[in-house]
Amino acid sequence: MSDQKKDVVIESLIADFHGFFSETPDERLLLGLTHDLGSLSSATDEEHKETIKQCQDLLSRLQRFPKTGLSFDQSLDLELATLGVENYLFFGTHTYNGKPLHKVMPDAAGIAQGLFILLTNDP
């Protein structure tokens, strides 16, 4: 893969990674992004399945990316991104007594943490 094509693929992976982890308002708030904070996701089973599919696709792209020729920082970024997506996928597909973990143990702590960050950073 040429350096120019590799740069384009890297930029695409970065944009998709960022988009995936800033999809919901609480994730955006936690990251300090202030756009579209008033909307809520529907949190349906279909939406969750679609999110898991997107996560699997992103993980596949990250794992297929050639690591040869990357700088140390780029290799580290790629590894950390892969681990982050794997972690999300693990907890997103984990089941307890046959039920998805997000249904057994719903978590709104991300919203509280994001609000705390917003309020402490607000002048």
Protein backbone atom coordinates (compact mmCIF):
# COMPACT_ATOMS: atom_id res chain seq x y z
CA MET A 1 0.00 0.00 0.00
CA SER A 2 1.43 3.38 -0.96
CA ASP A 3 2.04 5.99 1.72
CA GLN A 4 -0.62 8.29 0.27
CA LYS A 5 -3.24 5.53 0.21
CA LYS A 6 -2.24 4.45 3.73
CA ASP A 7 -2.73 8.04 4.96
CA VAL A 8 -6.22 8.12 3.45
CA VAL A 9 -7.10 4.80 5.09
CA ILE A 10 -5.71 6.00 8.44
CA GLU A 11 -7.79 9.18 8.25
CA SER A 12 -10.87 7.11 7.41
CA LEU A 13 -10.24 4.79 10.37
CA ILE A 14 -9.76 7.76 12.69
CA ALA A 15 -13.00 9.36 11.51
CA ASP A 16 -14.94 6.10 11.87
CA PHE A 17 -13.45 5.41 15.32
CA HIS A 18 -14.30 8.93 16.46
CA GLY A 19 -17.78 8.69 14.99
CA PHE A 20 -18.43 5.35 16.64
CA PHE A 21 -17.37 6.48 20.11
CA SER A 22 -19.22 9.81 19.86
CA GLU A 23 -22.50 8.47 18.51
CA THR A 24 -24.72 9.15 21.52
CA PRO A 25 -25.22 12.44 23.38
CA ASP A 26 -23.73 11.12 26.63
CA GLU A 27 -20.63 9.88 24.77
CA ARG A 28 -20.27 13.29 23.08
CA LEU A 29 -20.67 15.08 26.41
CA LEU A 30 -18.06 12.84 28.02
CA LEU A 31 -15.66 13.70 25.19
CA GLY A 32 -16.39 17.41 25.53
CA LEU A 33 -18.25 17.65 22.23
CA THR A 34 -21.18 20.03 22.43
CA HIS A 35 -23.14 19.31 19.27
CA ASP A 36 -26.49 17.45 19.31
CA LEU A 37 -26.62 17.06 23.08
CA GLY A 38 -30.41 17.38 23.23
CA SER A 39 -31.19 14.21 21.28
CA LEU A 40 -31.66 10.76 22.74
CA SER A 41 -31.18 7.37 21.16
CA SER A 42 -34.11 4.99 21.09
CA ALA A 43 -32.11 2.20 22.81
CA THR A 44 -34.03 -0.53 21.03
CA ASP A 45 -32.75 -4.05 20.50
CA GLU A 46 -32.49 -3.35 16.77
CA GLU A 47 -30.39 -0.25 17.42
CA HIS A 48 -28.13 -2.23 19.76
CA LYS A 49 -27.68 -4.96 17.14
CA GLU A 50 -26.81 -2.35 14.52
CA THR A 51 -24.28 -0.77 16.88
CA ILE A 52 -22.66 -4.17 17.51
CA LYS A 53 -22.50 -4.79 13.74
CA GLN A 54 -20.82 -1.40 13.22
CA CYS A 55 -18.40 -2.25 16.03
CA GLN A 56 -17.54 -5.62 14.45
CA ASP A 57 -16.96 -3.95 11.08
CA LEU A 58 -14.69 -1.32 12.64
CA LEU A 59 -12.76 -3.98 14.55
CA SER A 60 -12.28 -5.99 11.36
CA ARG A 61 -10.92 -2.92 9.56
CA LEU A 62 -8.57 -2.11 12.44
CA GLN A 63 -7.25 -5.68 12.58
CA ARG A 64 -6.70 -5.85 8.81
CA PHE A 65 -4.76 -2.61 8.65
CA PRO A 66 -1.11 -3.33 7.77
CA LYS A 67 1.19 -2.50 10.66
CA THR A 68 4.38 -2.43 8.61
CA GLY A 69 5.81 1.01 8.05
CA LEU A 70 3.93 2.66 10.91
CA SER A 71 5.74 4.86 13.38
CA PHE A 72 5.81 3.82 17.05
CA ASP A 73 3.05 6.32 17.87
CA GLN A 74 0.87 5.16 14.99
CA SER A 75 1.34 1.51 16.00
CA LEU A 76 0.44 2.35 19.57
CA ASP A 77 -2.63 4.33 18.46
CA LEU A 78 -3.77 1.44 16.29
CA GLU A 79 -3.31 -1.05 19.13
CA LEU A 80 -5.18 1.16 21.62
CA ALA A 81 -8.01 1.74 19.15
CA THR A 82 -8.28 -2.01 18.55
CA LEU A 83 -8.35 -2.71 22.28
CA GLY A 84 -11.01 -0.04 22.83
CA VAL A 85 -13.24 -1.51 20.15
CA GLU A 86 -12.68 -5.05 21.45
CA ASN A 87 -13.65 -3.89 24.95
CA TYR A 88 -16.82 -2.24 23.67
CA LEU A 89 -17.67 -5.36 21.70
CA PHE A 90 -17.03 -7.65 24.67
CA PHE A 91 -19.36 -5.76 26.99
CA GLY A 92 -21.87 -5.15 24.20
CA THR A 93 -22.23 -8.86 23.46
CA HIS A 94 -21.73 -10.30 26.95
CA THR A 95 -24.75 -12.13 28.36
CA TYR A 96 -25.80 -13.06 31.88
CA ASN A 97 -28.41 -15.79 32.35
CA GLY A 98 -29.13 -15.59 28.63
CA LYS A 99 -29.88 -11.85 28.67
CA PRO A 100 -27.66 -9.11 27.23
CA LEU A 101 -25.60 -7.34 29.88
CA HIS A 102 -26.98 -3.93 28.94
CA LYS A 103 -30.47 -5.18 29.82
CA VAL A 104 -29.46 -6.88 33.07
CA MET A 105 -27.28 -4.02 34.30
CA PRO A 106 -28.34 -0.76 32.63
CA ASP A 107 -25.78 1.97 33.21
CA ALA A 108 -26.37 5.69 33.22
CA ALA A 109 -23.07 6.55 34.89
CA GLY A 110 -21.66 7.81 31.60
CA ILE A 111 -24.26 10.55 31.52
CA ALA A 112 -23.50 11.60 35.10
CA GLN A 113 -19.77 11.65 34.41
CA GLY A 114 -20.30 13.73 31.28
CA LEU A 115 -22.49 16.22 33.17
CA PHE A 116 -19.90 16.44 35.94
CA ILE A 117 -17.19 17.22 33.39
CA LEU A 118 -19.39 19.80 31.66
CA LEU A 119 -20.27 21.54 34.93
CA THR A 120 -16.72 21.57 36.27
CA ASN A 121 -15.35 22.96 33.01
CA ASP A 122 -18.08 25.60 32.63
CA PRO A 123 -16.80 29.04 33.66
